[in-house]
Amino acid sequence: MSSLDELVIQLIAVAHAFTSYAMPADLPELRFVPQAELQEAACDRPCQIYGWFPPGTTIYLDERLDPLGNVAARGILLHELTHFLQQSAGAYREQPGCEAWAMREREAYRVQAKWLAQQPIATRSPVGPGIRPWDLACRHEASD
């Protein structure tokens, strides 16, 4: 087992502890890809993205991230692993599309922020002041 696999197991345990979602039988695959590939796949345009978990079993991370050596990068991986657990548990399936996405994001950011706050290195909150991503993305549905 690689050090990265060991880190994934540790972070899945953290996400499990913070959410109570069941521990999965299998680990997700991690793929480190160029930023442009993440932007194209997840946003279809330039955007600020460091990790992405589409339905399936693969988590895509910006190739510049070093989760083994950087606390903030571990926080991003934890965020995506929370999405992996959400999918495994079938969380938010009953919610409408954008609302479900927003609820998943809020929960993943809460897990990430809670874990980062417990780390010895001071890091910036993943969602700072201003518009949160789920507010901007779901704005059009509120007016429909």
Foldseek 3Di string as FASTA:
>chain_A
DDPVVVLQVVLLVLLCVLPVQDRDPDAAAEAADAQVVCCCVPPVDDDDDAWDDDPDRYIYGHNVADLVPDLVSSLNVSLNSNVVSCVVRVHQVVPDDLVSVVVSNVSSLVSSQVVQVPDPDDDDRPDDDDDDPSCVVCVVVVVD
